[in-house]
Amino acid sequence: MVNILENLCKKLNIKISYTNNKILILSCNSENNQPSIRAHKIFRECNENVAFAIIDYYTKAENRRANAKIIKDYADKELNFQLCKIAPPSDEFYDEVVKTMSEVSKHNEKSVVIELSILSITKKDFYSNVYAVNPNEPLNVSKDGILEVNITVDPLNK
């Protein structure tokens, strides 16, 4: 299974470690200019919504209360603990993450954009049936039962 939280942390250069704490389920700090999050092991398999709520809780001031609710609702569902706490974000952690994000942004500014032409799209369902898809046609994953999508592209400017 994909660890969404770990992938998000990796993109932001945040070190993630997992604990089995029974009360403090999330905390953050920054040591030697390295921001890190300590999370209860239940967050290894959290969905995208919870993973983004954790990152946003520690990196954005707006909607912090709403993000905490998403996190606590998930923890309540996954854990049988009566009490669980989420440590508030620290200024040092926030500063390090903002610095990392600005460095990533500078790196992305140097990226080259390549326009591509879609040559073909095929979708495979759960029964291994393969169907051609019109590039202008929307894909509905839940309705169509799509398991795999293959897109063949070609650069516009060779």
Protein backbone atom coordinates (compact mmCIF):
# COMPACT_ATOMS: atom_id res chain seq x y z
CA MET A 1 0.00 0.00 0.00
CA VAL A 2 1.20 3.50 -0.81
CA ASN A 3 2.15 5.56 2.22
CA ILE A 4 0.64 8.91 1.20
CA LEU A 5 1.85 10.79 4.27
CA GLU A 6 5.41 9.59 3.74
CA ASN A 7 5.32 10.66 0.09
CA LEU A 8 4.05 14.13 1.00
CA CYS A 9 6.73 14.51 3.66
CA LYS A 10 9.43 13.40 1.23
CA LYS A 11 8.36 16.06 -1.29
CA LEU A 12 8.63 18.73 1.43
CA ASN A 13 11.91 17.36 2.83
CA ILE A 14 10.20 16.51 6.13
CA LYS A 15 11.53 13.53 8.03
CA ILE A 16 8.73 11.23 9.21
CA SER A 17 8.93 8.67 11.99
CA TYR A 18 6.23 6.49 13.45
CA THR A 19 5.51 5.79 17.10
CA ASN A 20 3.15 3.72 19.18
CA ASN A 21 2.36 6.52 21.65
CA LYS A 22 -0.97 6.11 23.36
CA ILE A 23 -1.63 9.81 24.01
CA LEU A 24 0.50 12.05 21.76
CA ILE A 25 -0.36 10.86 18.26
CA LEU A 26 1.23 13.71 16.27
CA SER A 27 4.05 16.12 16.94
CA CYS A 28 6.65 18.06 14.99
CA ASN A 29 10.03 19.61 15.59
CA SER A 30 13.09 20.83 13.78
CA GLU A 31 16.62 19.75 14.63
CA ASN A 32 19.71 20.78 12.68
CA ASN A 33 17.53 22.55 10.07
CA GLN A 34 15.64 19.29 9.43
CA PRO A 35 11.87 19.47 10.00
CA SER A 36 10.36 16.24 11.24
CA ILE A 37 6.96 14.83 12.11
CA ARG A 38 6.39 12.05 14.61
CA ALA A 39 3.13 10.26 13.91
CA HIS A 40 1.34 7.30 15.42
CA LYS A 41 1.72 4.21 13.25
CA ILE A 42 -1.98 4.33 12.26
CA PHE A 43 -1.12 7.22 9.93
CA ARG A 44 1.03 4.92 7.75
CA GLU A 45 -2.14 3.78 6.01
CA CYS A 46 -4.22 6.97 6.23
CA ASN A 47 -6.07 8.20 3.19
CA GLU A 48 -5.09 11.25 1.15
CA ASN A 49 -7.54 13.54 2.97
CA VAL A 50 -6.00 12.74 6.38
CA ALA A 51 -2.42 12.96 5.05
CA PHE A 52 -3.06 16.43 3.59
CA ALA A 53 -4.80 17.48 6.82
CA ILE A 54 -1.65 16.54 8.78
CA ILE A 55 0.65 18.45 6.45
CA ASP A 56 -1.68 21.45 6.36
CA TYR A 57 -2.08 21.39 10.15
CA TYR A 58 1.67 21.83 10.56
CA THR A 59 2.37 24.12 7.60
CA LYS A 60 -0.65 26.42 7.23
CA ALA A 61 -2.30 28.60 9.84
CA GLU A 62 -5.67 28.76 8.10
CA ASN A 63 -8.12 25.90 8.68
CA ARG A 64 -5.98 24.45 11.45
CA ARG A 65 -9.06 23.64 13.55
CA ALA A 66 -10.76 21.87 10.63
CA ASN A 67 -7.59 19.88 9.89
CA ALA A 68 -7.30 18.87 13.55
CA LYS A 69 -10.88 17.60 13.42
CA ILE A 70 -10.13 15.47 10.34
CA ILE A 71 -7.07 14.03 12.09
CA LYS A 72 -8.87 13.36 15.38
CA ASP A 73 -11.88 11.79 13.65
CA TYR A 74 -9.53 9.40 11.84
CA ALA A 75 -7.64 8.62 15.06
CA ASP A 76 -10.88 8.01 16.98
CA LYS A 77 -11.98 5.56 14.30
CA GLU A 78 -8.64 3.71 14.20
CA LEU A 79 -7.68 3.75 17.89
CA ASN A 80 -9.49 2.70 21.02
CA PHE A 81 -7.79 5.33 23.17
CA GLN A 82 -9.89 7.62 25.32
CA LEU A 83 -7.42 10.49 25.10
CA CYS A 84 -5.28 11.43 22.16
CA LYS A 85 -3.43 14.68 21.61
CA ILE A 86 -1.94 16.48 18.66
CA ALA A 87 1.00 18.72 19.48
CA PRO A 88 0.73 22.23 18.04
CA PRO A 89 3.12 23.30 15.28
CA SER A 90 6.37 24.95 16.26
CA ASP A 91 7.74 28.13 14.69
CA GLU A 92 11.07 26.44 13.91
CA PHE A 93 9.33 23.60 12.06
CA TYR A 94 7.19 26.03 10.08
CA ASP A 95 10.21 28.19 9.14
CA GLU A 96 12.19 25.18 7.90
CA VAL A 97 9.29 23.87 5.81
CA VAL A 98 8.67 27.30 4.25
CA LYS A 99 12.37 27.55 3.40
CA THR A 100 12.26 24.10 1.77
CA MET A 101 9.11 24.98 -0.17
CA SER A 102 10.72 28.14 -1.55
CA GLU A 103 13.80 26.11 -2.61
CA VAL A 104 11.56 23.57 -4.37
CA SER A 105 9.70 26.43 -6.04
CA LYS A 106 12.99 27.90 -7.32
CA HIS A 107 13.97 24.47 -8.65
CA ASN A 108 10.61 24.11 -10.42
CA GLU A 109 11.05 27.50 -12.08
CA LYS A 110 14.06 26.04 -13.88
CA SER A 111 12.05 23.07 -15.15
CA VAL A 112 11.33 22.75 -18.84
CA VAL A 113 7.75 22.36 -20.02
CA ILE A 114 7.25 19.94 -22.90
CA GLU A 115 3.93 19.93 -24.72
CA LEU A 116 2.67 16.49 -25.62
CA SER A 117 0.11 15.23 -28.05
CA ILE A 118 -2.03 12.29 -26.91
CA LEU A 119 -1.80 9.57 -29.53
CA SER A 120 -4.01 7.00 -27.83
CA ILE A 121 -5.68 6.09 -24.55
CA THR A 122 -6.71 2.60 -23.50
CA LYS A 123 -8.38 1.45 -20.33
CA LYS A 124 -8.39 -2.00 -18.79
CA ASP A 125 -11.18 -3.14 -16.49
CA PHE A 126 -11.15 -5.65 -13.64
CA TYR A 127 -11.81 -8.50 -16.09
CA SER A 128 -8.73 -7.57 -18.20
CA ASN A 129 -10.90 -6.24 -21.04
CA VAL A 130 -9.07 -3.48 -22.92
CA TYR A 131 -10.99 -0.60 -24.53
CA ALA A 132 -9.85 2.35 -26.63
CA VAL A 133 -10.88 5.74 -25.23
CA ASN A 134 -11.48 8.95 -27.13
CA PRO A 135 -8.93 11.52 -25.78
CA ASN A 136 -11.78 14.04 -25.38
CA GLU A 137 -13.95 11.58 -23.44
CA PRO A 138 -13.94 11.74 -19.63
CA LEU A 139 -12.91 8.67 -17.64
CA ASN A 140 -15.19 7.65 -14.78
CA VAL A 141 -13.16 5.30 -12.60
CA SER A 142 -15.96 4.12 -10.33
CA LYS A 143 -18.60 3.73 -13.07
CA ASP A 144 -16.32 2.14 -15.65
CA GLY A 145 -14.49 -0.14 -13.20
CA ILE A 146 -11.12 0.99 -14.51
CA LEU A 147 -8.10 -0.87 -13.20
CA GLU A 148 -5.44 0.52 -15.54
CA VAL A 149 -5.10 3.41 -18.00
CA ASN A 150 -2.41 3.57 -20.69
CA ILE A 151 -1.72 6.87 -22.42
CA THR A 152 0.60 7.05 -25.40
CA VAL A 153 2.02 10.52 -26.07
CA ASP A 154 4.32 12.21 -28.55
CA PRO A 155 6.16 15.55 -28.11
CA LEU A 156 4.62 18.33 -30.20
CA ASN A 157 7.91 20.09 -30.93
CA LYS A 158 10.59 17.59 -31.89
